[in-house]
Amino acid sequence: MNWEDECYLLSKRKFRENANIINVFTQSKGRVSGVVYGGNSRKIRNYLQLSNKLFISYNSKNENKIGYFKTELIKPISPLYFNDKKRTSALISLCSILNSLLPESQPNKDIYKTFNDFINSINLENWIFLYIFFELNLIKFLGYDPNLSQFVNDQNDKFDTKKIKIDNYLYEVPNYLITKNLPKTISNNIIKKSLYFTRSIIQNRFFLPNNLTFPKTRIILENYFN
C-alpha cells in the first residue's frame, strides 16, 4: 500500500540505532504511525519536531505491519515559538491529546481543518482563546456535545462563571464559553478556569473511561496562567 499526504507530526520515539517511529495526523488518512529511517540524522532530526507540517510518502507491504515514511518539511511550526513557553506548551499539549484520542487510520477532516486553522492563528494575540475553543470543538468532533447553549439564559449570567451539571458532573464554566462572546476583561484567572473546564470534560469523557494517561504537558499549559 502506497500513498502520499500532508500531515502534522504528533509524536516520535527512537527506533533502533538510526530510525524513529512517528505518529502523524494526515489530512486524508487520519492518525497514522510509521518508521522513518535516518530519523536520527542531523538533516531529518532537525525538522522532526512536534507540530511541524510535513509531506510524507507511505509504503507498506502488509497492512498488518507498520509501514515506512519518507518525509519532507512543508512548514516549520514549533521552531517559531521555542522562546515562547506558553505557545510551545500549547502545541505539545494538542499534539499529545490528538495522539492519544484519534483512532488509528480513520479520517478526521473536521478535526484536521480546525487544527490547521489553529496552527495558522497561534501567532495572534488572542491565541489562547482559539486554543480553548479548539478543545471544545474537539470534544464535539469526538462524539460528545456538552450542549452549553442550553445554559445561555440562566439567571446567573451576570457573573463571570456559573456552575452547571453535565452528566452528573458539576462544572464551573466561564460564561463566555456559553455565550461565545469573549469577556471584556481578560484575566489569567478566567483563562485558567476555561482550561480547567475543557480539561475536566476531556478527562471525564475520554481519558478516564479508557484508562488513558492524561498528558502532563496539558497541565503545564494550565499552570502558566496561575
Protein backbone atom coordinates (compact mmCIF):
# COMPACT_ATOMS: atom_id res chain seq x y z
CA MET A 1 0.00 0.00 0.00
CA ASN A 2 1.41 3.36 -1.05
CA TRP A 3 0.07 6.88 -0.61
CA GLU A 4 1.18 10.48 -0.10
CA ASP A 5 -0.31 13.22 2.05
CA GLU A 6 0.41 16.31 4.12
CA CYS A 7 0.41 15.95 7.88
CA TYR A 8 1.39 17.29 11.29
CA LEU A 9 3.86 15.43 13.48
CA LEU A 10 2.19 14.31 16.73
CA SER A 11 4.87 12.16 18.35
CA LYS A 12 8.19 10.42 17.76
CA ARG A 13 10.35 7.90 19.55
CA LYS A 14 13.70 6.34 18.79
CA PHE A 15 13.64 3.01 16.96
CA ARG A 16 16.86 1.08 16.62
CA GLU A 17 20.09 2.98 16.04
CA ASN A 18 19.16 5.47 13.36
CA ALA A 19 15.41 5.42 12.96
CA ASN A 20 12.27 6.84 14.56
CA ILE A 21 8.72 5.65 14.88
CA ILE A 22 6.47 8.66 14.36
CA ASN A 23 2.76 9.31 14.63
CA VAL A 24 1.35 11.85 12.21
CA PHE A 25 -2.07 13.42 11.71
CA THR A 26 -2.78 13.35 7.99
CA GLN A 27 -5.39 15.22 6.02
CA SER A 28 -7.00 12.19 4.37
CA LYS A 29 -5.89 9.16 6.43
CA GLY A 30 -6.20 10.44 9.99
CA ARG A 31 -3.60 9.38 12.54
CA VAL A 32 -1.00 7.01 11.11
CA SER A 33 2.22 5.59 12.53
CA GLY A 34 5.33 4.54 10.62
CA VAL A 35 9.09 4.18 10.66
CA VAL A 36 11.41 6.92 9.41
CA TYR A 37 14.84 5.51 8.55
CA GLY A 38 17.57 8.03 9.10
CA GLY A 39 15.32 9.86 11.54
CA ASN A 40 18.22 10.50 13.90
CA SER A 41 20.42 12.03 11.22
CA ARG A 42 21.09 15.73 11.62
CA LYS A 43 19.14 16.68 8.49
CA ILE A 44 15.94 14.83 9.36
CA ARG A 45 16.17 15.23 13.13
CA ASN A 46 16.17 19.00 12.78
CA TYR A 47 12.69 19.09 11.26
CA LEU A 48 11.10 16.10 13.02
CA GLN A 49 9.76 18.47 15.67
CA LEU A 50 6.27 18.10 17.15
CA SER A 51 3.59 20.11 15.30
CA ASN A 52 5.76 20.71 12.21
CA LYS A 53 3.89 20.32 8.95
CA LEU A 54 5.31 17.56 6.74
CA PHE A 55 4.78 15.92 3.39
CA ILE A 56 5.00 12.13 3.69
CA SER A 57 5.18 9.17 1.34
CA TYR A 58 3.95 5.98 2.97
CA ASN A 59 4.85 2.43 1.96
CA SER A 60 3.66 -0.81 3.49
CA LYS A 61 3.82 -4.32 2.06
CA ASN A 62 1.48 -5.74 4.69
CA GLU A 63 -1.49 -3.94 6.22
CA ASN A 64 -0.93 -5.80 9.49
CA LYS A 65 2.63 -4.47 9.89
CA ILE A 66 3.91 -0.98 10.48
CA GLY A 67 4.82 0.90 7.31
CA TYR A 68 7.60 3.29 6.36
CA PHE A 69 7.64 7.05 5.79
CA LYS A 70 9.72 9.27 3.60
CA THR A 71 9.38 12.79 4.94
CA GLU A 72 9.86 16.36 3.73
CA LEU A 73 9.33 19.58 5.63
CA ILE A 74 6.46 21.75 4.39
CA LYS A 75 6.38 24.33 7.16
CA PRO A 76 8.26 24.65 10.45
CA ILE A 77 5.87 25.42 13.30
CA SER A 78 7.48 24.62 16.64
CA PRO A 79 10.83 26.39 15.97
CA LEU A 80 8.97 29.68 15.60
CA TYR A 81 7.95 29.52 19.27
CA PHE A 82 10.96 27.98 21.01
CA ASN A 83 11.31 31.19 23.06
CA ASP A 84 7.58 31.29 23.92
CA LYS A 85 6.87 28.77 26.67
CA LYS A 86 3.09 29.19 26.59
CA ARG A 87 2.69 28.68 22.84
CA THR A 88 5.23 25.84 22.82
CA SER A 89 3.35 24.15 25.65
CA ALA A 90 0.05 24.58 23.78
CA LEU A 91 1.45 22.96 20.63
CA ILE A 92 2.91 20.00 22.53
CA SER A 93 -0.31 19.67 24.52
CA LEU A 94 -2.51 19.49 21.43
CA CYS A 95 -0.21 17.01 19.73
CA SER A 96 -0.28 14.78 22.83
CA ILE A 97 -4.07 14.93 23.15
CA LEU A 98 -4.63 14.16 19.46
CA ASN A 99 -2.07 11.36 19.55
CA SER A 100 -3.94 9.80 22.49
CA LEU A 101 -7.51 10.22 21.28
CA LEU A 102 -7.53 10.00 17.49
CA PRO A 103 -8.32 6.49 16.22
CA GLU A 104 -5.72 4.85 14.01
CA SER A 105 -6.14 5.26 10.24
CA GLN A 106 -9.58 6.90 10.35
CA PRO A 107 -10.06 10.23 8.52
CA ASN A 108 -10.97 13.17 10.75
CA LYS A 109 -11.19 16.01 8.25
CA ASP A 110 -13.15 18.35 10.56
CA ILE A 111 -10.56 17.96 13.31
CA TYR A 112 -7.73 18.34 10.80
CA LYS A 113 -9.23 21.58 9.47
CA THR A 114 -9.73 23.10 12.92
CA PHE A 115 -6.22 22.03 13.97
CA ASN A 116 -4.78 23.54 10.78
CA ASP A 117 -6.74 26.75 11.42
CA PHE A 118 -5.42 26.96 14.97
CA ILE A 119 -1.82 26.39 13.84
CA ASN A 120 -2.22 29.23 11.34
CA SER A 121 -3.61 31.53 14.05
CA ILE A 122 -1.36 30.77 17.01
CA ASN A 123 0.63 33.95 16.39
CA LEU A 124 -2.47 36.10 17.06
CA GLU A 125 -2.85 37.98 20.33
CA ASN A 126 -5.97 36.04 21.38
CA TRP A 127 -4.46 32.63 20.55
CA ILE A 128 -5.20 31.12 23.96
CA PHE A 129 -8.95 31.58 23.41
CA LEU A 130 -8.62 29.96 20.00
CA TYR A 131 -6.91 27.06 21.78
CA ILE A 132 -9.75 26.76 24.29
CA PHE A 133 -12.41 26.79 21.56
CA PHE A 134 -10.37 24.22 19.64
CA GLU A 135 -10.64 21.88 22.61
CA LEU A 136 -14.39 22.46 22.82
CA ASN A 137 -14.77 21.66 19.14
CA LEU A 138 -12.54 18.61 19.52
CA ILE A 139 -14.85 17.28 22.22
CA LYS A 140 -17.80 17.61 19.83
CA PHE A 141 -15.97 16.08 16.87
CA LEU A 142 -15.02 13.10 19.02
CA GLY A 143 -18.70 12.42 19.59
CA TYR A 144 -19.70 14.26 22.77
CA ASP A 145 -21.57 17.57 22.81
CA PRO A 146 -21.86 19.21 26.26
CA ASN A 147 -24.57 21.45 24.72
CA LEU A 148 -23.53 24.59 26.59
CA SER A 149 -26.04 26.72 24.68
CA GLN A 150 -28.85 25.34 26.85
CA PHE A 151 -27.47 27.42 29.74
CA VAL A 152 -27.43 30.79 27.93
CA ASN A 153 -30.47 32.30 29.62
CA ASP A 154 -29.63 31.18 33.11
CA GLN A 155 -30.29 33.78 35.82
CA ASN A 156 -26.63 33.81 36.84
CA ASP A 157 -25.40 35.24 33.52
CA LYS A 158 -24.29 38.44 35.30
CA PHE A 159 -21.38 36.54 36.86
CA ASP A 160 -18.13 35.59 35.12
CA THR A 161 -18.75 31.89 35.70
CA LYS A 162 -21.63 29.60 36.54
CA LYS A 163 -21.88 26.13 37.96
CA ILE A 164 -23.69 23.64 35.77
CA LYS A 165 -24.24 19.91 35.88
CA ILE A 166 -23.46 17.82 32.80
CA ASP A 167 -23.99 14.05 33.01
CA ASN A 168 -23.84 14.12 36.82
CA TYR A 169 -20.56 16.07 36.85
CA LEU A 170 -20.60 19.56 38.32
CA TYR A 171 -18.50 22.09 36.40
CA GLU A 172 -17.66 25.74 36.86
CA VAL A 173 -17.90 27.23 33.38
CA PRO A 174 -16.85 30.73 32.27
CA ASN A 175 -19.90 32.42 30.78
CA TYR A 176 -18.17 33.40 27.55
CA LEU A 177 -17.85 29.71 26.64
CA ILE A 178 -21.62 29.51 26.82
CA THR A 179 -22.43 32.77 25.03
CA LYS A 180 -19.37 32.55 22.72
CA ASN A 181 -18.68 36.23 23.35
CA LEU A 182 -15.18 36.94 24.63
CA PRO A 183 -15.12 38.68 28.03
CA LYS A 184 -14.43 42.41 28.13
CA THR A 185 -11.84 41.91 30.84
CA ILE A 186 -9.36 39.12 30.17
CA SER A 187 -7.51 37.73 33.15
CA ASN A 188 -5.30 34.75 33.86
CA ASN A 189 -7.95 33.58 36.29
CA ILE A 190 -10.66 33.29 33.63
CA ILE A 191 -8.23 31.61 31.21
CA LYS A 192 -7.22 29.07 33.84
CA LYS A 193 -10.88 28.32 34.67
CA SER A 194 -11.58 27.84 30.96
CA LEU A 195 -8.66 25.45 30.56
CA TYR A 196 -9.66 23.57 33.70
CA PHE A 197 -13.22 23.16 32.40
CA THR A 198 -12.22 21.79 28.98
CA ARG A 199 -9.59 19.55 30.60
CA SER A 200 -12.18 18.15 33.01
CA ILE A 201 -14.58 17.32 30.16
CA ILE A 202 -11.82 15.65 28.13
CA GLN A 203 -10.64 13.64 31.12
CA ASN A 204 -14.10 12.57 32.25
CA ARG A 205 -15.38 11.64 28.79
CA PHE A 206 -12.33 10.18 27.06
CA PHE A 207 -9.28 9.55 29.20
CA LEU A 208 -10.68 8.08 32.42
CA PRO A 209 -13.19 5.66 30.78
CA ASN A 210 -10.43 4.30 28.53
CA ASN A 211 -7.73 4.15 31.24
CA LEU A 212 -5.55 6.60 29.32
CA THR A 213 -2.89 8.77 30.96
CA PHE A 214 -3.68 12.44 30.60
CA PRO A 215 -0.77 14.44 29.07
CA LYS A 216 1.30 16.33 31.64
CA THR A 217 2.02 18.96 29.01
CA ARG A 218 -1.65 20.00 29.10
CA ILE A 219 -1.49 20.58 32.85
CA ILE A 220 1.75 22.51 32.42
CA LEU A 221 -0.03 24.82 29.96
CA GLU A 222 -2.76 25.43 32.52
CA ASN A 223 -0.21 26.27 35.21
CA TYR A 224 1.26 29.07 33.11
CA PHE A 225 -1.92 31.06 33.86
CA ASN A 226 -1.78 30.87 37.66
